[in-house]
C-alpha atoms as a PDB file:
ATOM      1  CA  MET A   1      99.856 125.389 118.011  1.00  0.00           C
ATOM      2  CA  THR A   2     100.469 121.890 117.978  1.00  0.00           C
ATOM      3  CA  SER A   3     102.985 119.724 116.242  1.00  0.00           C
ATOM      4  CA  PRO A   4     102.084 117.519 113.097  1.00  0.00           C
ATOM      5  CA  SER A   5     101.413 113.609 114.518  1.00  0.00           C
ATOM      6  CA  TRP A   6     102.909 110.966 112.474  1.00  0.00           C
ATOM      7  CA  ASN A   7     100.323 110.765 109.866  1.00  0.00           C
ATOM      8  CA  SER A   8     100.164 114.223 108.971  1.00  0.00           C
ATOM      9  CA  PRO A   9     100.694 115.166 105.682  1.00  0.00           C
ATOM     10  CA  ARG A  10     104.240 117.076 105.279  1.00  0.00           C
ATOM     11  CA  ALA A  11     101.921 120.178 103.407  1.00  0.00           C
ATOM     12  CA  ILE A  12      98.597 120.156 101.898  1.00  0.00           C
ATOM     13  CA  PHE A  13      98.553 121.927  98.538  1.00  0.00           C
ATOM     14  CA  TRP A  14      95.002 123.601  97.849  1.00  0.00           C
ATOM     15  CA  ASP A  15      93.659 124.614  94.763  1.00  0.00           C
ATOM     16  CA  MET A  16      91.283 127.759  94.539  1.00  0.00           C
ATOM     17  CA  ASP A  17      88.844 128.122  91.605  1.00  0.00           C
ATOM     18  CA  GLY A  18      85.886 125.534  92.875  1.00  0.00           C
ATOM     19  CA  THR A  19      87.934 124.143  95.856  1.00  0.00           C
ATOM     20  CA  LEU A  20      88.466 127.325  98.576  1.00  0.00           C
ATOM     21  CA  VAL A  21      86.088 129.293  96.818  1.00  0.00           C
ATOM     22  CA  ASP A  22      82.945 129.089  94.575  1.00  0.00           C
ATOM     23  CA  SER A  23      84.345 130.544  91.923  1.00  0.00           C
ATOM     24  CA  GLU A  24      83.743 128.746  88.679  1.00  0.00           C
ATOM     25  CA  PRO A  25      80.394 129.973  88.316  1.00  0.00           C
ATOM     26  CA  LEU A  26      81.976 133.449  87.621  1.00  0.00           C
ATOM     27  CA  TRP A  27      84.813 132.387  85.507  1.00  0.00           C
ATOM     28  CA  GLY A  28      81.715 130.371  83.445  1.00  0.00           C
ATOM     29  CA  ILE A  29      80.107 133.756  82.847  1.00  0.00           C
ATOM     30  CA  ALA A  30      83.337 135.500  81.784  1.00  0.00           C
ATOM     31  CA  THR A  31      84.066 132.191  79.329  1.00  0.00           C
ATOM     32  CA  TYR A  32      80.555 132.289  77.765  1.00  0.00           C
ATOM     33  CA  GLU A  33      81.502 136.168  77.324  1.00  0.00           C
ATOM     34  CA  LEU A  34      84.586 135.342  75.616  1.00  0.00           C
ATOM     35  CA  SER A  35      83.082 133.053  73.266  1.00  0.00           C
ATOM     36  CA  GLU A  36      80.179 134.952  72.052  1.00  0.00           C
ATOM     37  CA  ARG A  37      82.904 137.771  71.032  1.00  0.00           C
ATOM     38  CA  LEU A  38      84.423 135.572  69.269  1.00  0.00           C
ATOM     39  CA  GLY A  39      80.967 135.416  67.435  1.00  0.00           C
ATOM     40  CA  ARG A  40      79.658 131.801  68.297  1.00  0.00           C
ATOM     41  CA  ARG A  41      78.568 130.776  72.178  1.00  0.00           C
ATOM     42  CA  LEU A  42      79.611 127.701  73.981  1.00  0.00           C
ATOM     43  CA  THR A  43      77.671 125.084  74.515  1.00  0.00           C
ATOM     44  CA  PRO A  44      77.668 123.583  78.431  1.00  0.00           C
ATOM     45  CA  GLU A  45      80.061 120.338  77.394  1.00  0.00           C
ATOM     46  CA  LEU A  46      82.960 122.826  75.888  1.00  0.00           C
ATOM     47  CA  ARG A  47      82.468 125.093  78.853  1.00  0.00           C
ATOM     48  CA  ALA A  48      82.959 122.215  80.967  1.00  0.00           C
ATOM     49  CA  ALA A  49      86.228 121.260  78.919  1.00  0.00           C
ATOM     50  CA  THR A  50      88.004 124.789  80.134  1.00  0.00           C
ATOM     51  CA  VAL A  51      86.881 124.461  83.883  1.00  0.00           C
ATOM     52  CA  GLY A  52      90.508 124.487  85.948  1.00  0.00           C
ATOM     53  CA  GLY A  53      92.355 125.038  82.698  1.00  0.00           C
ATOM     54  CA  SER A  54      95.009 128.186  81.396  1.00  0.00           C
ATOM     55  CA  PHE A  55      93.317 131.061  79.723  1.00  0.00           C
ATOM     56  CA  GLY A  56      95.457 129.357  76.524  1.00  0.00           C
ATOM     57  CA  ASN A  57      93.161 126.420  76.696  1.00  0.00           C
ATOM     58  CA  THR A  58      89.811 128.488  77.428  1.00  0.00           C
ATOM     59  CA  LEU A  59      90.925 130.335  74.529  1.00  0.00           C
ATOM     60  CA  ARG A  60      91.504 127.792  71.844  1.00  0.00           C
ATOM     61  CA  VAL A  61      88.351 126.073  73.006  1.00  0.00           C
ATOM     62  CA  CYS A  62      85.781 129.261  71.981  1.00  0.00           C
ATOM     63  CA  ALA A  63      88.161 130.336  69.200  1.00  0.00           C
ATOM     64  CA  GLU A  64      87.982 126.772  67.586  1.00  0.00           C
ATOM     65  CA  HIS A  65      83.968 126.154  68.105  1.00  0.00           C
ATOM     66  CA  ALA A  66      83.706 129.872  66.538  1.00  0.00           C
ATOM     67  CA  GLY A  67      85.963 128.669  63.482  1.00  0.00           C
ATOM     68  CA  PHE A  68      88.232 132.055  64.682  1.00  0.00           C
ATOM     69  CA  THR A  69      91.928 132.693  64.233  1.00  0.00           C
ATOM     70  CA  VAL A  70      93.255 134.526  67.105  1.00  0.00           C
ATOM     71  CA  THR A  71      96.472 136.997  66.340  1.00  0.00           C
ATOM     72  CA  GLU A  72      98.990 137.022  68.944  1.00  0.00           C
ATOM     73  CA  ARG A  73      98.008 140.779  69.403  1.00  0.00           C
ATOM     74  CA  GLU A  74      93.936 139.543  69.925  1.00  0.00           C
ATOM     75  CA  GLU A  75      95.308 137.299  72.358  1.00  0.00           C
ATOM     76  CA  ARG A  76      96.647 139.946  74.654  1.00  0.00           C
ATOM     77  CA  VAL A  77      93.615 142.228  74.509  1.00  0.00           C
ATOM     78  CA  LEU A  78      90.889 138.825  74.872  1.00  0.00           C
ATOM     79  CA  HIS A  79      93.286 137.779  77.925  1.00  0.00           C
ATOM     80  CA  ASP A  80      93.217 141.298  79.232  1.00  0.00           C
ATOM     81  CA  ALA A  81      89.556 141.742  78.634  1.00  0.00           C
ATOM     82  CA  MET A  82      88.590 138.505  80.114  1.00  0.00           C
ATOM     83  CA  PHE A  83      90.618 138.977  83.538  1.00  0.00           C
ATOM     84  CA  ALA A  84      89.129 142.473  84.360  1.00  0.00           C
ATOM     85  CA  ARG A  85      85.796 140.850  83.638  1.00  0.00           C
ATOM     86  CA  VAL A  86      86.610 138.017  86.278  1.00  0.00           C
ATOM     87  CA  GLY A  87      88.063 140.777  88.283  1.00  0.00           C
ATOM     88  CA  GLU A  88      84.598 142.390  88.910  1.00  0.00           C
ATOM     89  CA  LEU A  89      82.377 139.494  89.045  1.00  0.00           C
ATOM     90  CA  PHE A  90      84.916 138.616  92.117  1.00  0.00           C
ATOM     91  CA  ALA A  91      84.526 142.207  93.870  1.00  0.00           C
ATOM     92  CA  GLN A  92      80.861 141.891  93.201  1.00  0.00           C
ATOM     93  CA  SER A  93      80.267 137.546  94.600  1.00  0.00           C
ATOM     94  CA  LEU A  94      83.417 136.336  96.251  1.00  0.00           C
ATOM     95  CA  GLY A  95      83.757 134.534  99.604  1.00  0.00           C
ATOM     96  CA  PRO A  96      85.048 130.836 100.462  1.00  0.00           C
ATOM     97  CA  ARG A  97      82.747 127.749 100.240  1.00  0.00           C
ATOM     98  CA  PRO A  98      81.142 126.704 103.103  1.00  0.00           C
ATOM     99  CA  GLY A  99      83.289 125.313 105.928  1.00  0.00           C
ATOM    100  CA  VAL A 100      86.556 125.873 104.519  1.00  0.00           C
ATOM    101  CA  ARG A 101      87.652 128.760 106.977  1.00  0.00           C
ATOM    102  CA  ALA A 102      86.973 126.347 109.869  1.00  0.00           C
ATOM    103  CA  LEU A 103      88.747 123.397 108.376  1.00  0.00           C
ATOM    104  CA  LEU A 104      91.904 125.594 107.499  1.00  0.00           C
ATOM    105  CA  SER A 105      92.102 127.002 111.039  1.00  0.00           C
ATOM    106  CA  ALA A 106      92.028 123.837 112.160  1.00  0.00           C
ATOM    107  CA  LEU A 107      94.897 122.367 110.410  1.00  0.00           C
ATOM    108  CA  ARG A 108      96.983 125.394 110.928  1.00  0.00           C
ATOM    109  CA  GLU A 109      96.759 124.474 114.250  1.00  0.00           C
ATOM    110  CA  ARG A 110      98.127 121.390 113.709  1.00  0.00           C
ATOM    111  CA  GLY A 111     101.202 123.108 112.293  1.00  0.00           C
ATOM    112  CA  ILE A 112     100.864 122.252 108.821  1.00  0.00           C
ATOM    113  CA  PRO A 113     102.229 124.458 106.475  1.00  0.00           C
ATOM    114  CA  MET A 114      99.528 124.923 103.441  1.00  0.00           C
ATOM    115  CA  LEU A 115      99.774 126.513 100.127  1.00  0.00           C
ATOM    116  CA  VAL A 116      97.727 127.626  97.297  1.00  0.00           C
ATOM    117  CA  THR A 117      98.241 126.384  94.090  1.00  0.00           C
ATOM    118  CA  THR A 118      96.102 127.674  91.406  1.00  0.00           C
ATOM    119  CA  ASN A 119      95.945 128.488  87.291  1.00  0.00           C
ATOM    120  CA  THR A 120      95.050 131.639  87.853  1.00  0.00           C
ATOM    121  CA  GLU A 121      97.160 134.068  87.617  1.00  0.00           C
ATOM    122  CA  ARG A 122      98.969 136.231  90.184  1.00  0.00           C
ATOM    123  CA  SER A 123      96.814 139.493  89.274  1.00  0.00           C
ATOM    124  CA  LEU A 124      93.718 138.200  90.158  1.00  0.00           C
ATOM    125  CA  ALA A 125      94.635 135.090  92.386  1.00  0.00           C
ATOM    126  CA  ASP A 126      95.528 137.260  95.432  1.00  0.00           C
ATOM    127  CA  GLU A 127      92.328 138.608  95.480  1.00  0.00           C
ATOM    128  CA  ALA A 128      90.653 135.143  96.060  1.00  0.00           C
ATOM    129  CA  ILE A 129      93.334 134.104  98.376  1.00  0.00           C
ATOM    130  CA  ALA A 130      92.301 137.227 100.167  1.00  0.00           C
ATOM    131  CA  ALA A 131      89.102 136.501 100.042  1.00  0.00           C
ATOM    132  CA  VAL A 132      89.824 133.134 102.080  1.00  0.00           C
ATOM    133  CA  GLY A 133      92.478 134.649 104.334  1.00  0.00           C
ATOM    134  CA  ALA A 134      95.457 134.863 103.095  1.00  0.00           C
ATOM    135  CA  GLU A 135      96.539 134.432 106.940  1.00  0.00           C
ATOM    136  CA  PHE A 136      96.107 130.560 106.529  1.00  0.00           C
ATOM    137  CA  PHE A 137      98.717 129.715 103.977  1.00  0.00           C
ATOM    138  CA  CYS A 138     102.720 130.277 103.838  1.00  0.00           C
ATOM    139  CA  ASP A 139     102.851 130.501 100.265  1.00  0.00           C
ATOM    140  CA  SER A 140     101.298 130.280  97.171  1.00  0.00           C
ATOM    141  CA  VAL A 141     101.896 129.135  92.964  1.00  0.00           C
ATOM    142  CA  THR A 142      99.949 130.660  90.340  1.00  0.00           C
ATOM    143  CA  GLY A 143      99.672 129.386  86.910  1.00  0.00           C
ATOM    144  CA  ASP A 144     101.546 131.982  85.389  1.00  0.00           C
ATOM    145  CA  GLU A 145     104.776 131.509  87.767  1.00  0.00           C
ATOM    146  CA  VAL A 146     105.602 127.848  86.062  1.00  0.00           C
ATOM    147  CA  PRO A 147     106.394 126.857  82.724  1.00  0.00           C
ATOM    148  CA  ARG A 148     103.450 124.778  82.394  1.00  0.00           C
ATOM    149  CA  PHE A 149      99.834 125.381  83.727  1.00  0.00           C
ATOM    150  CA  LYS A 150      97.843 122.271  85.201  1.00  0.00           C
ATOM    151  CA  PRO A 151      97.372 119.686  83.708  1.00  0.00           C
ATOM    152  CA  ALA A 152     101.351 119.280  83.736  1.00  0.00           C
ATOM    153  CA  PRO A 153     102.480 118.523  87.005  1.00  0.00           C
ATOM    154  CA  ASP A 154     105.006 121.631  87.479  1.00  0.00           C
ATOM    155  CA  MET A 155     102.868 123.508  90.121  1.00  0.00           C
ATOM    156  CA  TYR A 156     102.714 120.566  92.489  1.00  0.00           C
ATOM    157  CA  GLU A 157     106.423 119.922  92.180  1.00  0.00           C
ATOM    158  CA  GLU A 158     107.323 123.684  92.657  1.00  0.00           C
ATOM    159  CA  ALA A 159     105.205 123.262  95.974  1.00  0.00           C
ATOM    160  CA  ALA A 160     106.873 120.511  96.944  1.00  0.00           C
ATOM    161  CA  ARG A 161     110.522 121.899  96.701  1.00  0.00           C
ATOM    162  CA  ARG A 162     109.322 125.009  98.152  1.00  0.00           C
ATOM    163  CA  VAL A 163     108.309 122.758 101.512  1.00  0.00           C
ATOM    164  CA  GLY A 164     111.232 120.941 101.244  1.00  0.00           C
ATOM    165  CA  ALA A 165     108.947 117.964 100.861  1.00  0.00           C
ATOM    166  CA  ALA A 166     108.852 114.356  98.412  1.00  0.00           C
ATOM    167  CA  PRO A 167     105.535 115.135  96.978  1.00  0.00           C
ATOM    168  CA  GLY A 168     104.175 112.005  97.720  1.00  0.00           C
ATOM    169  CA  GLU A 169     104.418 113.181 101.224  1.00  0.00           C
ATOM    170  CA  CYS A 170     101.893 116.216 100.511  1.00  0.00           C
ATOM    171  CA  LEU A 171      98.362 116.307 100.397  1.00  0.00           C
ATOM    172  CA  VAL A 172      96.644 117.727  97.757  1.00  0.00           C
ATOM    173  CA  PHE A 173      92.553 118.867  97.253  1.00  0.00           C
ATOM    174  CA  GLU A 174      91.558 119.251  93.910  1.00  0.00           C
ATOM    175  CA  ASP A 175      88.367 119.863  91.938  1.00  0.00           C
ATOM    176  CA  SER A 176      88.818 119.661  88.212  1.00  0.00           C
ATOM    177  CA  PRO A 177      89.843 116.815  85.920  1.00  0.00           C
ATOM    178  CA  ALA A 178      93.126 119.386  84.905  1.00  0.00           C
ATOM    179  CA  GLY A 179      94.150 119.490  88.614  1.00  0.00           C
ATOM    180  CA  MET A 180      93.619 116.417  89.479  1.00  0.00           C
ATOM    181  CA  SER A 181      95.644 114.943  86.695  1.00  0.00           C
ATOM    182  CA  ALA A 182      98.548 117.387  87.329  1.00  0.00           C
ATOM    183  CA  ALA A 183      98.713 116.244  91.021  1.00  0.00           C
ATOM    184  CA  VAL A 184      98.615 112.855  90.304  1.00  0.00           C
ATOM    185  CA  ALA A 185     101.899 113.455  87.796  1.00  0.00           C
ATOM    186  CA  ALA A 186     103.605 115.121  90.280  1.00  0.00           C
ATOM    187  CA  GLY A 187     103.321 111.986  92.847  1.00  0.00           C
ATOM    188  CA  CYS A 188     101.164 113.655  95.244  1.00  0.00           C
ATOM    189  CA  ARG A 189      98.743 112.051  97.167  1.00  0.00           C
ATOM    190  CA  VAL A 190      94.997 113.372  95.958  1.00  0.00           C
ATOM    191  CA  ILE A 191      91.495 113.917  97.263  1.00  0.00           C
ATOM    192  CA  GLY A 192      88.760 114.831  94.436  1.00  0.00           C
ATOM    193  CA  LEU A 193      85.717 116.590  94.697  1.00  0.00           C
ATOM    194  CA  PRO A 194      85.015 116.886  91.238  1.00  0.00           C
ATOM    195  CA  GLU A 195      81.078 118.321  91.023  1.00  0.00           C
ATOM    196  CA  ASP A 196      80.583 115.068  88.819  1.00  0.00           C
ATOM    197  CA  PRO A 197      82.237 111.944  90.378  1.00  0.00           C
ATOM    198  CA  ARG A 198      82.869 110.625  86.575  1.00  0.00           C
ATOM    199  CA  ASP A 199      84.904 113.451  86.026  1.00  0.00           C
ATOM    200  CA  ALA A 200      87.517 111.762  88.544  1.00  0.00           C
ATOM    201  CA  VAL A 201      91.415 110.777  87.858  1.00  0.00           C
ATOM    202  CA  PRO A 202      92.294 107.700  88.350  1.00  0.00           C
ATOM    203  CA  GLY A 203      94.955 107.219  91.804  1.00  0.00           C
ATOM    204  CA  VAL A 204      92.510 110.052  93.218  1.00  0.00           C
ATOM    205  CA  LEU A 205      90.473 109.335  96.714  1.00  0.00           C
ATOM    206  CA  LEU A 206      87.001 110.969  96.309  1.00  0.00           C
ATOM    207  CA  MET A 207      86.017 113.484  99.060  1.00  0.00           C
ATOM    208  CA  GLN A 208      82.182 112.297  98.351  1.00  0.00           C
ATOM    209  CA  GLU A 209      83.537 108.760  98.966  1.00  0.00           C
ATOM    210  CA  MET A 210      84.522 109.406 102.409  1.00  0.00           C
ATOM    211  CA  ARG A 211      81.222 111.941 102.600  1.00  0.00           C
ATOM    212  CA  ASP A 212      78.100 109.804 101.820  1.00  0.00           C
ATOM    213  CA  GLY A 213      78.046 111.682  98.572  1.00  0.00           C
ATOM    214  CA  SER A 214      79.114 115.375  99.872  1.00  0.00           C
ATOM    215  CA  ARG A 215      81.645 117.695  98.508  1.00  0.00           C
ATOM    216  CA  SER A 216      81.122 120.055 101.567  1.00  0.00           C
ATOM    217  CA  PHE A 217      83.811 120.881 103.940  1.00  0.00           C
ATOM    218  CA  ASP A 218      81.598 121.397 106.383  1.00  0.00           C
ATOM    219  CA  GLY A 219      82.322 119.579 109.644  1.00  0.00           C
ATOM    220  CA  VAL A 220      85.140 118.104 107.978  1.00  0.00           C
ATOM    221  CA  ARG A 221      88.124 118.084 111.124  1.00  0.00           C
ATOM    222  CA  ALA A 222      91.721 117.819 111.007  1.00  0.00           C
ATOM    223  CA  GLU A 223      91.394 114.032 112.118  1.00  0.00           C
ATOM    224  CA  ASP A 224      89.380 113.188 109.095  1.00  0.00           C
ATOM    225  CA  VAL A 225      91.832 114.970 106.597  1.00  0.00           C
ATOM    226  CA  GLU A 226      94.881 112.815 108.400  1.00  0.00           C
ATOM    227  CA  ARG A 227      92.714 110.022 107.896  1.00  0.00           C
ATOM    228  CA  TRP A 228      92.334 110.512 104.440  1.00  0.00           C
ATOM    229  CA  PHE A 229      96.170 110.860 103.821  1.00  0.00           C
ATOM    230  CA  THR A 230      96.585 107.933 104.836  1.00  0.00           C
ATOM    231  CA  LEU A 231      93.758 106.047 102.546  1.00  0.00           C
ATOM    232  CA  CYS A 232      95.173 108.398  99.912  1.00  0.00           C
ATOM    233  CA  ALA A 233      97.989 106.049  99.624  1.00  0.00           C
ATOM    234  CA  SER A 234      96.185 102.974  98.796  1.00  0.00           C
ATOM    235  CA  ALA A 235      94.097 105.102  96.050  1.00  0.00           C
END
């Protein structure tokens, strides 16, 4: 293992859904099913408003669309049913996005601490982290372990605290507006890889701009990440 270079981030924080693993389509299946259970299927536009958010946000969007008032007891039942469904989908089809493991391996060789930072709750997060490779990460922070979910900055503030670094010394990879907003609000440097570049948040460096329109990790090297970290300072 080599030592981090002078221009390396002190730590790298990785969003999970849509960044490390292509799980957003699986969450989409469960979200549409939740909306149908409440009586009215979401539109694609409303589904997009749930991406990267908490279960509470997803339920609110579905309930408002259906004109359904959810009691506290019903919320717990719906939460457990949705998470059980996502667990089934994860077990059937979940793996790292192309290029992810090779890049994580190269960054680990650089000696850079890496954490998973995800709004997904611990009960499902560990399964997805294992699908990528838990050995790459020194820690993880999940949505049910901080006071507020993304887009609040709590998760990234906590991740920086755990590695003993200032947020501005840390690099974040995020795909959703909620996640990018959270990382920017915490003061981290952020590389965004939204499916639609129009969803970018001010202060974020878009991967697509660095890679001729691509948001794939295929072929990305540790040296590229270090260079992007430096460029983030002027984003």
